[in-house]
Amino acid sequence: MSIAVPKHADHNSYGPKVWYQDETFACRDCGNVEVWTAEAQRWWFEVAKGLIYSRAIQCRSCRQAWRAKSGKLSHAARQAKNRPEQP
């Protein structure tokens, strides 16, 4: 699956990815092979404004375990926490 590329953060680099493509990677902690989907990449680079040279390194379960142990919140959880209450 490929998705067209628009709005990246300015990273003063040679340029953003021209398209997103599902990428497989091995988790650095447990070694499981997972897929960093094109849609997840689009969110990371365009919505979260992640660094253009970022790569997936942990599977979802290892990342969740790390966050639970370290007390870190995900980007989505931080946004929800900082969002004003709806009437």
PDB file of N, CA and C in Angstrom:
ATOM      1  N   MET A   1       0.847  -1.178   0.000  1.00  0.00           N
ATOM      2  CA  MET A   1       0.000   0.000   0.000  1.00  0.00           C
ATOM      3  C   MET A   1       0.886   1.232   0.000  1.00  0.00           C
ATOM      4  N   SER A   2       0.608   2.193  -0.846  1.00  0.00           N
ATOM      5  CA  SER A   2       1.343   3.450  -0.898  1.00  0.00           C
ATOM      6  C   SER A   2       0.375   4.601  -0.698  1.00  0.00           C
ATOM      7  N   ILE A   3       0.847   5.654  -0.045  1.00  0.00           N
ATOM      8  CA  ILE A   3       0.025   6.826   0.234  1.00  0.00           C
ATOM      9  C   ILE A   3       0.793   8.060  -0.228  1.00  0.00           C
ATOM     10  N   ALA A   4       0.123   9.008  -0.849  1.00  0.00           N
ATOM     11  CA  ALA A   4       0.774  10.243  -1.304  1.00  0.00           C
ATOM     12  C   ALA A   4       1.301  11.044  -0.114  1.00  0.00           C
ATOM     13  N   VAL A   5       2.349  11.824  -0.348  1.00  0.00           N
ATOM     14  CA  VAL A   5       3.002  12.579   0.719  1.00  0.00           C
ATOM     15  C   VAL A   5       2.698  14.062   0.655  1.00  0.00           C
ATOM     16  N   PRO A   6       2.149  14.667   1.721  1.00  0.00           N
ATOM     17  CA  PRO A   6       2.128  16.100   1.802  1.00  0.00           C
ATOM     18  C   PRO A   6       2.944  16.663   2.950  1.00  0.00           C
ATOM     19  N   LYS A   7       2.405  17.010   4.069  1.00  0.00           N
ATOM     20  CA  LYS A   7       2.819  17.921   5.117  1.00  0.00           C
ATOM     21  C   LYS A   7       3.830  17.414   6.146  1.00  0.00           C
ATOM     22  N   HIS A   8       5.066  17.430   5.842  1.00  0.00           N
ATOM     23  CA  HIS A   8       6.091  17.041   6.815  1.00  0.00           C
ATOM     24  C   HIS A   8       6.577  18.269   7.575  1.00  0.00           C
ATOM     25  N   ALA A   9       7.146  18.018   8.733  1.00  0.00           N
ATOM     26  CA  ALA A   9       7.799  19.086   9.477  1.00  0.00           C
ATOM     27  C   ALA A   9       9.085  19.442   8.743  1.00  0.00           C
ATOM     28  N   ASP A  10       9.520  20.670   8.882  1.00  0.00           N
ATOM     29  CA  ASP A  10      10.763  21.099   8.252  1.00  0.00           C
ATOM     30  C   ASP A  10      11.931  20.528   9.033  1.00  0.00           C
ATOM     31  N   HIS A  11      12.724  19.663   8.390  1.00  0.00           N
ATOM     32  CA  HIS A  11      13.863  19.039   9.062  1.00  0.00           C
ATOM     33  C   HIS A  11      15.181  19.478   8.473  1.00  0.00           C
ATOM     34  N   ASN A  12      15.129  20.458   7.554  1.00  0.00           N
ATOM     35  CA  ASN A  12      16.347  20.971   6.950  1.00  0.00           C
ATOM     36  C   ASN A  12      17.180  19.833   6.364  1.00  0.00           C
ATOM     37  N   SER A  13      16.487  18.924   5.670  1.00  0.00           N
ATOM     38  CA  SER A  13      17.160  17.773   5.085  1.00  0.00           C
ATOM     39  C   SER A  13      17.005  17.825   3.574  1.00  0.00           C
ATOM     40  N   TYR A  14      17.427  16.765   2.928  1.00  0.00           N
ATOM     41  CA  TYR A  14      17.304  16.707   1.473  1.00  0.00           C
ATOM     42  C   TYR A  14      15.862  16.626   1.023  1.00  0.00           C
ATOM     43  N   GLY A  15      14.981  16.196   1.863  1.00  0.00           N
ATOM     44  CA  GLY A  15      13.572  16.140   1.502  1.00  0.00           C
ATOM     45  C   GLY A  15      12.868  14.983   2.178  1.00  0.00           C
ATOM     46  N   PRO A  16      11.540  15.080   2.239  1.00  0.00           N
ATOM     47  CA  PRO A  16      10.749  14.025   2.867  1.00  0.00           C
ATOM     48  C   PRO A  16      10.636  12.812   1.958  1.00  0.00           C
ATOM     49  N   LYS A  17      10.068  11.751   2.502  1.00  0.00           N
ATOM     50  CA  LYS A  17       9.769  10.587   1.679  1.00  0.00           C
ATOM     51  C   LYS A  17       8.801  11.010   0.588  1.00  0.00           C
ATOM     52  N   VAL A  18       8.928  10.403  -0.562  1.00  0.00           N
ATOM     53  CA  VAL A  18       8.036  10.727  -1.665  1.00  0.00           C
ATOM     54  C   VAL A  18       6.729   9.952  -1.536  1.00  0.00           C
ATOM     55  N   TRP A  19       6.771   8.794  -0.896  1.00  0.00           N
ATOM     56  CA  TRP A  19       5.570   8.007  -0.633  1.00  0.00           C
ATOM     57  C   TRP A  19       5.833   7.130   0.578  1.00  0.00           C
ATOM     58  N   TYR A  20       4.767   6.583   1.127  1.00  0.00           N
ATOM     59  CA  TYR A  20       4.883   5.656   2.253  1.00  0.00           C
ATOM     60  C   TYR A  20       4.607   4.251   1.746  1.00  0.00           C
ATOM     61  N   GLN A  21       5.317   3.320   2.319  1.00  0.00           N
ATOM     62  CA  GLN A  21       5.171   1.925   1.932  1.00  0.00           C
ATOM     63  C   GLN A  21       5.327   1.088   3.192  1.00  0.00           C
ATOM     64  N   ASP A  22       4.495   0.059   3.349  1.00  0.00           N
ATOM     65  CA  ASP A  22       4.625  -0.815   4.502  1.00  0.00           C
ATOM     66  C   ASP A  22       6.063  -1.328   4.596  1.00  0.00           C
ATOM     67  N   GLU A  23       6.651  -1.281   5.795  1.00  0.00           N
ATOM     68  CA  GLU A  23       8.026  -1.731   6.006  1.00  0.00           C
ATOM     69  C   GLU A  23       8.056  -2.749   7.136  1.00  0.00           C
ATOM     70  N   THR A  24       8.745  -3.854   6.932  1.00  0.00           N
ATOM     71  CA  THR A  24       8.910  -4.832   8.008  1.00  0.00           C
ATOM     72  C   THR A  24      10.153  -4.467   8.809  1.00  0.00           C
ATOM     73  N   PHE A  25      10.122  -4.806  10.092  1.00  0.00           N
ATOM     74  CA  PHE A  25      11.266  -4.566  10.968  1.00  0.00           C
ATOM     75  C   PHE A  25      11.266  -5.591  12.074  1.00  0.00           C
ATOM     76  N   ALA A  26      12.419  -5.838  12.637  1.00  0.00           N
ATOM     77  CA  ALA A  26      12.553  -6.743  13.781  1.00  0.00           C
ATOM     78  C   ALA A  26      12.649  -5.891  15.045  1.00  0.00           C
ATOM     79  N   CYS A  27      11.838  -6.206  16.037  1.00  0.00           N
ATOM     80  CA  CYS A  27      11.841  -5.477  17.304  1.00  0.00           C
ATOM     81  C   CYS A  27      13.213  -5.617  17.960  1.00  0.00           C
ATOM     82  N   ARG A  28      13.749  -4.493  18.437  1.00  0.00           N
ATOM     83  CA  ARG A  28      15.083  -4.533  19.054  1.00  0.00           C
ATOM     84  C   ARG A  28      15.073  -5.256  20.391  1.00  0.00           C
ATOM     85  N   ASP A  29      13.889  -5.373  21.036  1.00  0.00           N
ATOM     86  CA  ASP A  29      13.810  -5.996  22.351  1.00  0.00           C
ATOM     87  C   ASP A  29      13.519  -7.496  22.296  1.00  0.00           C
ATOM     88  N   CYS A  30      12.487  -7.877  21.529  1.00  0.00           N
ATOM     89  CA  CYS A  30      12.072  -9.287  21.528  1.00  0.00           C
ATOM     90  C   CYS A  30      12.399 -10.008  20.224  1.00  0.00           C
ATOM     91  N   GLY A  31      12.728  -9.265  19.169  1.00  0.00           N
ATOM     92  CA  GLY A  31      13.092  -9.882  17.898  1.00  0.00           C
ATOM     93  C   GLY A  31      11.925 -10.235  17.001  1.00  0.00           C
ATOM     94  N   ASN A  32      10.674 -10.029  17.467  1.00  0.00           N
ATOM     95  CA  ASN A  32       9.522 -10.317  16.616  1.00  0.00           C
ATOM     96  C   ASN A  32       9.532  -9.407  15.394  1.00  0.00           C
ATOM     97  N   VAL A  33       9.133  -9.958  14.266  1.00  0.00           N
ATOM     98  CA  VAL A  33       9.061  -9.187  13.032  1.00  0.00           C
ATOM     99  C   VAL A  33       7.657  -8.609  12.912  1.00  0.00           C
ATOM    100  N   GLU A  34       7.568  -7.304  12.705  1.00  0.00           N
ATOM    101  CA  GLU A  34       6.289  -6.617  12.558  1.00  0.00           C
ATOM    102  C   GLU A  34       6.348  -5.715  11.341  1.00  0.00           C
ATOM    103  N   VAL A  35       5.217  -5.109  11.025  1.00  0.00           N
ATOM    104  CA  VAL A  35       5.109  -4.202   9.879  1.00  0.00           C
ATOM    105  C   VAL A  35       4.804  -2.801  10.393  1.00  0.00           C
ATOM    106  N   TRP A  36       5.594  -1.830   9.943  1.00  0.00           N
ATOM    107  CA  TRP A  36       5.300  -0.420  10.185  1.00  0.00           C
ATOM    108  C   TRP A  36       4.495   0.008   8.969  1.00  0.00           C
ATOM    109  N   THR A  37       3.191   0.149   9.143  1.00  0.00           N
ATOM    110  CA  THR A  37       2.309   0.371   8.002  1.00  0.00           C
ATOM    111  C   THR A  37       2.493   1.760   7.395  1.00  0.00           C
ATOM    112  N   ALA A  38       2.092   1.876   6.152  1.00  0.00           N
ATOM    113  CA  ALA A  38       2.163   3.161   5.454  1.00  0.00           C
ATOM    114  C   ALA A  38       1.326   4.205   6.197  1.00  0.00           C
ATOM    115  N   GLU A  39       0.155   3.809   6.680  1.00  0.00           N
ATOM    116  CA  GLU A  39      -0.706   4.738   7.403  1.00  0.00           C
ATOM    117  C   GLU A  39      -0.070   5.180   8.723  1.00  0.00           C
ATOM    118  N   ALA A  40       0.581   4.268   9.443  1.00  0.00           N
ATOM    119  CA  ALA A  40       1.265   4.625  10.690  1.00  0.00           C
ATOM    120  C   ALA A  40       2.431   5.565  10.406  1.00  0.00           C
ATOM    121  N   GLN A  41       3.130   5.345   9.307  1.00  0.00           N
ATOM    122  CA  GLN A  41       4.217   6.242   8.924  1.00  0.00           C
ATOM    123  C   GLN A  41       3.671   7.625   8.594  1.00  0.00           C
ATOM    124  N   ARG A  42       2.568   7.685   7.849  1.00  0.00           N
ATOM    125  CA  ARG A  42       1.964   8.976   7.512  1.00  0.00           C
ATOM    126  C   ARG A  42       1.609   9.731   8.791  1.00  0.00           C
ATOM    127  N   TRP A  43       1.007   9.039   9.765  1.00  0.00           N
ATOM    128  CA  TRP A  43       0.669   9.696  11.020  1.00  0.00           C
ATOM    129  C   TRP A  43       1.930  10.217  11.721  1.00  0.00           C
ATOM    130  N   TRP A  44       2.953   9.377  11.787  1.00  0.00           N
ATOM    131  CA  TRP A  44       4.175   9.758  12.497  1.00  0.00           C
ATOM    132  C   TRP A  44       4.832  10.988  11.880  1.00  0.00           C
ATOM    133  N   PHE A  45       4.968  10.990  10.560  1.00  0.00           N
ATOM    134  CA  PHE A  45       5.679  12.078   9.895  1.00  0.00           C
ATOM    135  C   PHE A  45       4.829  13.334   9.698  1.00  0.00           C
ATOM    136  N   GLU A  46       3.529  13.191   9.442  1.00  0.00           N
ATOM    137  CA  GLU A  46       2.704  14.350   9.110  1.00  0.00           C
ATOM    138  C   GLU A  46       1.906  14.901  10.283  1.00  0.00           C
ATOM    139  N   VAL A  47       1.417  14.059  11.161  1.00  0.00           N
ATOM    140  CA  VAL A  47       0.608  14.521  12.292  1.00  0.00           C
ATOM    141  C   VAL A  47       1.491  14.762  13.506  1.00  0.00           C
ATOM    142  N   ALA A  48       2.286  13.753  13.884  1.00  0.00           N
ATOM    143  CA  ALA A  48       3.155  13.883  15.058  1.00  0.00           C
ATOM    144  C   ALA A  48       4.417  14.683  14.747  1.00  0.00           C
ATOM    145  N   LYS A  49       4.681  14.922  13.447  1.00  0.00           N
ATOM    146  CA  LYS A  49       5.858  15.681  12.995  1.00  0.00           C
ATOM    147  C   LYS A  49       7.161  15.047  13.467  1.00  0.00           C
ATOM    148  N   GLY A  50       7.206  13.708  13.387  1.00  0.00           N
ATOM    149  CA  GLY A  50       8.412  12.971  13.758  1.00  0.00           C
ATOM    150  C   GLY A  50       9.560  13.249  12.804  1.00  0.00           C
ATOM    151  N   LEU A  51      10.760  13.013  13.268  1.00  0.00           N
ATOM    152  CA  LEU A  51      11.942  13.244  12.436  1.00  0.00           C
ATOM    153  C   LEU A  51      11.888  12.387  11.182  1.00  0.00           C
ATOM    154  N   ILE A  52      12.266  12.946  10.069  1.00  0.00           N
ATOM    155  CA  ILE A  52      12.166  12.280   8.781  1.00  0.00           C
ATOM    156  C   ILE A  52      13.060  11.036   8.704  1.00  0.00           C
ATOM    157  N   TYR A  53      14.073  10.963   9.535  1.00  0.00           N
ATOM    158  CA  TYR A  53      14.971   9.807   9.529  1.00  0.00           C
ATOM    159  C   TYR A  53      14.540   8.720  10.521  1.00  0.00           C
ATOM    160  N   SER A  54      13.376   8.867  11.153  1.00  0.00           N
ATOM    161  CA  SER A  54      12.889   7.898  12.130  1.00  0.00           C
ATOM    162  C   SER A  54      12.578   6.559  11.470  1.00  0.00           C
ATOM    163  N   ARG A  55      12.748   5.507  12.244  1.00  0.00           N
ATOM    164  CA  ARG A  55      12.393   4.149  11.823  1.00  0.00           C
ATOM    165  C   ARG A  55      11.750   3.444  13.009  1.00  0.00           C
ATOM    166  N   ALA A  56      10.873   2.507  12.731  1.00  0.00           N
ATOM    167  CA  ALA A  56      10.259   1.709  13.806  1.00  0.00           C
ATOM    168  C   ALA A  56      11.331   0.777  14.367  1.00  0.00           C
ATOM    169  N   ILE A  57      11.409   0.672  15.697  1.00  0.00           N
ATOM    170  CA  ILE A  57      12.419  -0.193  16.306  1.00  0.00           C
ATOM    171  C   ILE A  57      11.839  -1.142  17.348  1.00  0.00           C
ATOM    172  N   GLN A  58      10.621  -0.869  17.829  1.00  0.00           N
ATOM    173  CA  GLN A  58       9.995  -1.732  18.826  1.00  0.00           C
ATOM    174  C   GLN A  58       8.613  -2.156  18.350  1.00  0.00           C
ATOM    175  N   CYS A  59       8.246  -3.404  18.657  1.00  0.00           N
ATOM    176  CA  CYS A  59       6.894  -3.857  18.353  1.00  0.00           C
ATOM    177  C   CYS A  59       5.936  -3.169  19.322  1.00  0.00           C
ATOM    178  N   ARG A  60       4.663  -3.239  19.008  1.00  0.00           N
ATOM    179  CA  ARG A  60       3.650  -2.553  19.824  1.00  0.00           C
ATOM    180  C   ARG A  60       3.664  -3.025  21.275  1.00  0.00           C
ATOM    181  N   SER A  61       3.753  -4.345  21.511  1.00  0.00           N
ATOM    182  CA  SER A  61       3.697  -4.842  22.890  1.00  0.00           C
ATOM    183  C   SER A  61       4.935  -4.421  23.691  1.00  0.00           C
ATOM    184  N   CYS A  62       6.111  -4.442  23.091  1.00  0.00           N
ATOM    185  CA  CYS A  62       7.321  -3.993  23.804  1.00  0.00           C
ATOM    186  C   CYS A  62       7.266  -2.492  24.079  1.00  0.00           C
ATOM    187  N   ARG A  63       6.738  -1.715  23.119  1.00  0.00           N
ATOM    188  CA  ARG A  63       6.614  -0.273  23.307  1.00  0.00           C
ATOM    189  C   ARG A  63       5.638   0.028  24.435  1.00  0.00           C
ATOM    190  N   GLN A  64       4.505  -0.692  24.490  1.00  0.00           N
ATOM    191  CA  GLN A  64       3.529  -0.485  25.564  1.00  0.00           C
ATOM    192  C   GLN A  64       4.112  -0.875  26.912  1.00  0.00           C
ATOM    193  N   ALA A  65       4.870  -1.976  26.963  1.00  0.00           N
ATOM    194  CA  ALA A  65       5.507  -2.403  28.218  1.00  0.00           C
ATOM    195  C   ALA A  65       6.525  -1.364  28.674  1.00  0.00           C
ATOM    196  N   TRP A  66       7.302  -0.813  27.739  1.00  0.00           N
ATOM    197  CA  TRP A  66       8.291   0.209  28.077  1.00  0.00           C
ATOM    198  C   TRP A  66       7.604   1.450  28.642  1.00  0.00           C
ATOM    199  N   ARG A  67       6.504   1.869  28.000  1.00  0.00           N
ATOM    200  CA  ARG A  67       5.774   3.049  28.483  1.00  0.00           C
ATOM    201  C   ARG A  67       5.211   2.812  29.877  1.00  0.00           C
ATOM    202  N   ALA A  68       4.661   1.624  30.111  1.00  0.00           N
ATOM    203  CA  ALA A  68       4.095   1.311  31.424  1.00  0.00           C
ATOM    204  C   ALA A  68       5.183   1.332  32.497  1.00  0.00           C
ATOM    205  N   LYS A  69       6.347   0.776  32.177  1.00  0.00           N
ATOM    206  CA  LYS A  69       7.448   0.711  33.141  1.00  0.00           C
ATOM    207  C   LYS A  69       8.047   2.092  33.395  1.00  0.00           C
ATOM    208  N   SER A  70       8.169   2.905  32.351  1.00  0.00           N
ATOM    209  CA  SER A  70       8.835   4.199  32.492  1.00  0.00           C
ATOM    210  C   SER A  70       7.885   5.328  32.870  1.00  0.00           C
ATOM    211  N   GLY A  71       6.575   5.067  32.788  1.00  0.00           N
ATOM    212  CA  GLY A  71       5.605   6.111  33.102  1.00  0.00           C
ATOM    213  C   GLY A  71       5.418   7.091  31.958  1.00  0.00           C
ATOM    214  N   LYS A  72       5.965   6.793  30.777  1.00  0.00           N
ATOM    215  CA  LYS A  72       5.828   7.671  29.617  1.00  0.00           C
ATOM    216  C   LYS A  72       4.458   7.473  28.982  1.00  0.00           C
ATOM    217  N   LEU A  73       3.908   8.540  28.440  1.00  0.00           N
ATOM    218  CA  LEU A  73       2.632   8.472  27.748  1.00  0.00           C
ATOM    219  C   LEU A  73       2.866   8.500  26.245  1.00  0.00           C
ATOM    220  N   SER A  74       1.980   7.859  25.518  1.00  0.00           N
ATOM    221  CA  SER A  74       2.057   7.925  24.061  1.00  0.00           C
ATOM    222  C   SER A  74       1.670   9.322  23.609  1.00  0.00           C
ATOM    223  N   HIS A  75       1.999   9.644  22.364  1.00  0.00           N
ATOM    224  CA  HIS A  75       1.652  10.946  21.802  1.00  0.00           C
ATOM    225  C   HIS A  75       0.144  11.172  21.889  1.00  0.00           C
ATOM    226  N   ALA A  76      -0.648  10.173  21.508  1.00  0.00           N
ATOM    227  CA  ALA A  76      -2.106  10.292  21.541  1.00  0.00           C
ATOM    228  C   ALA A  76      -2.610  10.501  22.969  1.00  0.00           C
ATOM    229  N   ALA A  77      -2.022   9.813  23.936  1.00  0.00           N
ATOM    230  CA  ALA A  77      -2.432   9.963  25.328  1.00  0.00           C
ATOM    231  C   ALA A  77      -2.094  11.365  25.848  1.00  0.00           C
ATOM    232  N   ARG A  78      -0.924  11.902  25.465  1.00  0.00           N
ATOM    233  CA  ARG A  78      -0.568  13.265  25.869  1.00  0.00           C
ATOM    234  C   ARG A  78      -1.543  14.274  25.278  1.00  0.00           C
ATOM    235  N   GLN A  79      -1.921  14.087  24.002  1.00  0.00           N
ATOM    236  CA  GLN A  79      -2.865  15.004  23.370  1.00  0.00           C
ATOM    237  C   GLN A  79      -4.209  14.957  24.088  1.00  0.00           C
ATOM    238  N   ALA A  80      -4.690  13.763  24.407  1.00  0.00           N
ATOM    239  CA  ALA A  80      -5.978  13.618  25.078  1.00  0.00           C
ATOM    240  C   ALA A  80      -5.927  14.256  26.471  1.00  0.00           C
ATOM    241  N   LYS A  81      -4.827  14.099  27.163  1.00  0.00           N
ATOM    242  CA  LYS A  81      -4.665  14.647  28.507  1.00  0.00           C
ATOM    243  C   LYS A  81      -4.657  16.171  28.472  1.00  0.00           C
ATOM    244  N   ASN A  82      -4.044  16.753  27.444  1.00  0.00           N
ATOM    245  CA  ASN A  82      -3.931  18.206  27.337  1.00  0.00           C
ATOM    246  C   ASN A  82      -5.134  18.860  26.683  1.00  0.00           C
ATOM    247  N   ARG A  83      -6.052  18.061  26.151  1.00  0.00           N
ATOM    248  CA  ARG A  83      -7.242  18.598  25.484  1.00  0.00           C
ATOM    249  C   ARG A  83      -8.234  19.076  26.533  1.00  0.00           C
ATOM    250  N   PRO A  84      -8.824  20.257  26.331  1.00  0.00           N
ATOM    251  CA  PRO A  84      -9.823  20.736  27.293  1.00  0.00           C
ATOM    252  C   PRO A  84     -11.052  19.838  27.306  1.00  0.00           C
ATOM    253  N   GLU A  85     -11.708  19.799  28.451  1.00  0.00           N
ATOM    254  CA  GLU A  85     -12.918  18.983  28.605  1.00  0.00           C
ATOM    255  C   GLU A  85     -14.003  19.450  27.631  1.00  0.00           C
ATOM    256  N   GLN A  86     -14.713  18.487  27.075  1.00  0.00           N
ATOM    257  CA  GLN A  86     -15.847  18.822  26.199  1.00  0.00           C
ATOM    258  C   GLN A  86     -17.066  19.106  27.070  1.00  0.00           C
ATOM    259  N   PRO A  87     -17.870  20.134  26.723  1.00  0.00           N
ATOM    260  CA  PRO A  87     -19.066  20.449  27.526  1.00  0.00           C
ATOM    261  C   PRO A  87     -20.129  19.376  27.427  1.00  0.00           C
TER     262      PRO A  87
END
